[in-house]
Amino acid sequence: MNNEEVKQALVAGKPVIYFVPLVGDVRYDRVSAVIYRIINGELAVTAELEDRKGRSTATVRIDRLRFENKEDKENGAEICNPDGV
């Protein structure tokens, strides 16, 4: 995702997929925040993702994030849930 897409995801509140190297695609319930930081003089944008039960979050790079699509639902992307439920 780019900056505009992650803002759209925040407003829409729909599930997103985050690609984790060596693990694969992980589904999160929604983007709960967009975070802007200055790192080494450069603007860095990250997203805070909320799991499906709203009990945990992950802060991730937006370049590995995408909207959930029909193929993700059919292929059963791993659902992020720390309890394994």
C-alpha atoms as a PDB file:
ATOM      1  CA  MET A   1       0.000   0.000   0.000  1.00  0.00           C
ATOM      2  CA  ASN A   2       0.979   3.582  -0.381  1.00  0.00           C
ATOM      3  CA  ASN A   3       0.131   6.494   1.918  1.00  0.00           C
ATOM      4  CA  GLU A   4      -3.281   7.185   0.325  1.00  0.00           C
ATOM      5  CA  GLU A   5      -4.290   3.511   0.296  1.00  0.00           C
ATOM      6  CA  VAL A   6      -3.444   3.022   3.968  1.00  0.00           C
ATOM      7  CA  LYS A   7      -5.577   6.069   4.835  1.00  0.00           C
ATOM      8  CA  GLN A   8      -8.451   4.523   2.832  1.00  0.00           C
ATOM      9  CA  ALA A   9      -7.996   1.263   4.731  1.00  0.00           C
ATOM     10  CA  LEU A  10      -8.139   3.146   8.040  1.00  0.00           C
ATOM     11  CA  VAL A  11     -11.410   4.866   7.128  1.00  0.00           C
ATOM     12  CA  ALA A  12     -12.997   1.745   5.569  1.00  0.00           C
ATOM     13  CA  GLY A  13     -12.240  -0.472   8.569  1.00  0.00           C
ATOM     14  CA  LYS A  14     -12.032  -3.576   6.386  1.00  0.00           C
ATOM     15  CA  PRO A  15      -9.630  -6.551   6.734  1.00  0.00           C
ATOM     16  CA  VAL A  16      -6.108  -6.215   5.350  1.00  0.00           C
ATOM     17  CA  ILE A  17      -3.349  -8.695   4.551  1.00  0.00           C
ATOM     18  CA  TYR A  18       0.216  -8.221   5.782  1.00  0.00           C
ATOM     19  CA  PHE A  19       3.053 -10.165   4.169  1.00  0.00           C
ATOM     20  CA  VAL A  20       5.482 -11.527   6.757  1.00  0.00           C
ATOM     21  CA  PRO A  21       8.760 -12.803   5.257  1.00  0.00           C
ATOM     22  CA  LEU A  22       9.318 -16.538   5.907  1.00  0.00           C
ATOM     23  CA  VAL A  23       5.725 -16.826   7.185  1.00  0.00           C
ATOM     24  CA  GLY A  24       3.488 -15.590   4.383  1.00  0.00           C
ATOM     25  CA  ASP A  25       0.241 -13.659   4.367  1.00  0.00           C
ATOM     26  CA  VAL A  26      -1.436 -12.821   7.664  1.00  0.00           C
ATOM     27  CA  ARG A  27      -4.951 -11.373   7.829  1.00  0.00           C
ATOM     28  CA  TYR A  28      -5.702  -8.576  10.278  1.00  0.00           C
ATOM     29  CA  ASP A  29      -9.168  -7.266  11.073  1.00  0.00           C
ATOM     30  CA  ARG A  30      -8.431  -3.634  10.317  1.00  0.00           C
ATOM     31  CA  VAL A  31      -5.981  -0.751  10.248  1.00  0.00           C
ATOM     32  CA  SER A  32      -6.483   0.993  13.594  1.00  0.00           C
ATOM     33  CA  ALA A  33      -3.970   3.849  13.088  1.00  0.00           C
ATOM     34  CA  VAL A  34      -1.603   5.418  10.584  1.00  0.00           C
ATOM     35  CA  ILE A  35       1.647   6.577  12.169  1.00  0.00           C
ATOM     36  CA  TYR A  36       3.959   9.229  10.718  1.00  0.00           C
ATOM     37  CA  ARG A  37       7.536   9.533  11.984  1.00  0.00           C
ATOM     38  CA  ILE A  38      10.666  11.342  10.881  1.00  0.00           C
ATOM     39  CA  ILE A  39      13.548   8.850  10.705  1.00  0.00           C
ATOM     40  CA  ASN A  40      16.957  10.127   9.556  1.00  0.00           C
ATOM     41  CA  GLY A  41      15.261  13.203   8.120  1.00  0.00           C
ATOM     42  CA  GLU A  42      12.798  11.136   6.053  1.00  0.00           C
ATOM     43  CA  LEU A  43       9.062  10.686   6.539  1.00  0.00           C
ATOM     44  CA  ALA A  44       8.292   7.081   7.492  1.00  0.00           C
ATOM     45  CA  VAL A  45       4.695   5.842   7.394  1.00  0.00           C
ATOM     46  CA  THR A  46       3.631   2.753   9.331  1.00  0.00           C
ATOM     47  CA  ALA A  47       0.243   1.218  10.095  1.00  0.00           C
ATOM     48  CA  GLU A  48      -1.075  -0.184  13.324  1.00  0.00           C
ATOM     49  CA  LEU A  49      -3.078  -3.354  12.665  1.00  0.00           C
ATOM     50  CA  GLU A  50      -5.669  -4.819  15.015  1.00  0.00           C
ATOM     51  CA  ASP A  51      -6.381  -8.529  15.350  1.00  0.00           C
ATOM     52  CA  ARG A  52      -9.903  -9.871  14.965  1.00  0.00           C
ATOM     53  CA  LYS A  53     -10.703  -9.748  18.682  1.00  0.00           C
ATOM     54  CA  GLY A  54      -9.193  -6.304  19.195  1.00  0.00           C
ATOM     55  CA  ARG A  55      -6.822  -7.501  21.908  1.00  0.00           C
ATOM     56  CA  SER A  56      -3.496  -6.996  20.190  1.00  0.00           C
ATOM     57  CA  THR A  57      -1.920  -4.737  17.596  1.00  0.00           C
ATOM     58  CA  ALA A  58       1.109  -4.828  15.340  1.00  0.00           C
ATOM     59  CA  THR A  59       2.925  -1.850  13.844  1.00  0.00           C
ATOM     60  CA  VAL A  60       4.006  -2.673  10.301  1.00  0.00           C
ATOM     61  CA  ARG A  61       5.568  -1.286   7.148  1.00  0.00           C
ATOM     62  CA  ILE A  62       2.883  -0.221   4.695  1.00  0.00           C
ATOM     63  CA  ASP A  63       4.779  -1.521   1.646  1.00  0.00           C
ATOM     64  CA  ARG A  64       3.981  -5.096   2.795  1.00  0.00           C
ATOM     65  CA  LEU A  65       0.307  -4.368   3.367  1.00  0.00           C
ATOM     66  CA  ARG A  66      -2.615  -4.811   0.962  1.00  0.00           C
ATOM     67  CA  PHE A  67      -6.388  -4.908   0.941  1.00  0.00           C
ATOM     68  CA  GLU A  68      -7.937  -8.344   1.422  1.00  0.00           C
ATOM     69  CA  ASN A  69      -9.322  -9.660  -1.873  1.00  0.00           C
ATOM     70  CA  LYS A  70     -11.462 -12.563  -3.083  1.00  0.00           C
ATOM     71  CA  GLU A  71      -8.446 -14.853  -3.625  1.00  0.00           C
ATOM     72  CA  ASP A  72      -7.273 -14.305  -0.039  1.00  0.00           C
ATOM     73  CA  LYS A  73     -10.661 -15.431   1.257  1.00  0.00           C
ATOM     74  CA  GLU A  74     -10.658 -18.494  -1.011  1.00  0.00           C
ATOM     75  CA  ASN A  75      -7.058 -19.451  -0.180  1.00  0.00           C
ATOM     76  CA  GLY A  76      -7.568 -18.915   3.546  1.00  0.00           C
ATOM     77  CA  ALA A  77      -4.863 -16.429   4.523  1.00  0.00           C
ATOM     78  CA  GLU A  78      -3.763 -17.058   8.107  1.00  0.00           C
ATOM     79  CA  ILE A  79      -5.901 -15.097  10.539  1.00  0.00           C
ATOM     80  CA  CYS A  80      -3.954 -13.216  13.177  1.00  0.00           C
ATOM     81  CA  ASN A  81      -5.205 -14.319  16.568  1.00  0.00           C
ATOM     82  CA  PRO A  82      -2.717 -14.657  19.415  1.00  0.00           C
ATOM     83  CA  ASP A  83      -4.935 -17.166  21.243  1.00  0.00           C
ATOM     84  CA  GLY A  84      -5.026 -19.573  18.319  1.00  0.00           C
ATOM     85  CA  VAL A  85      -8.841 -19.539  18.344  1.00  0.00           C
END
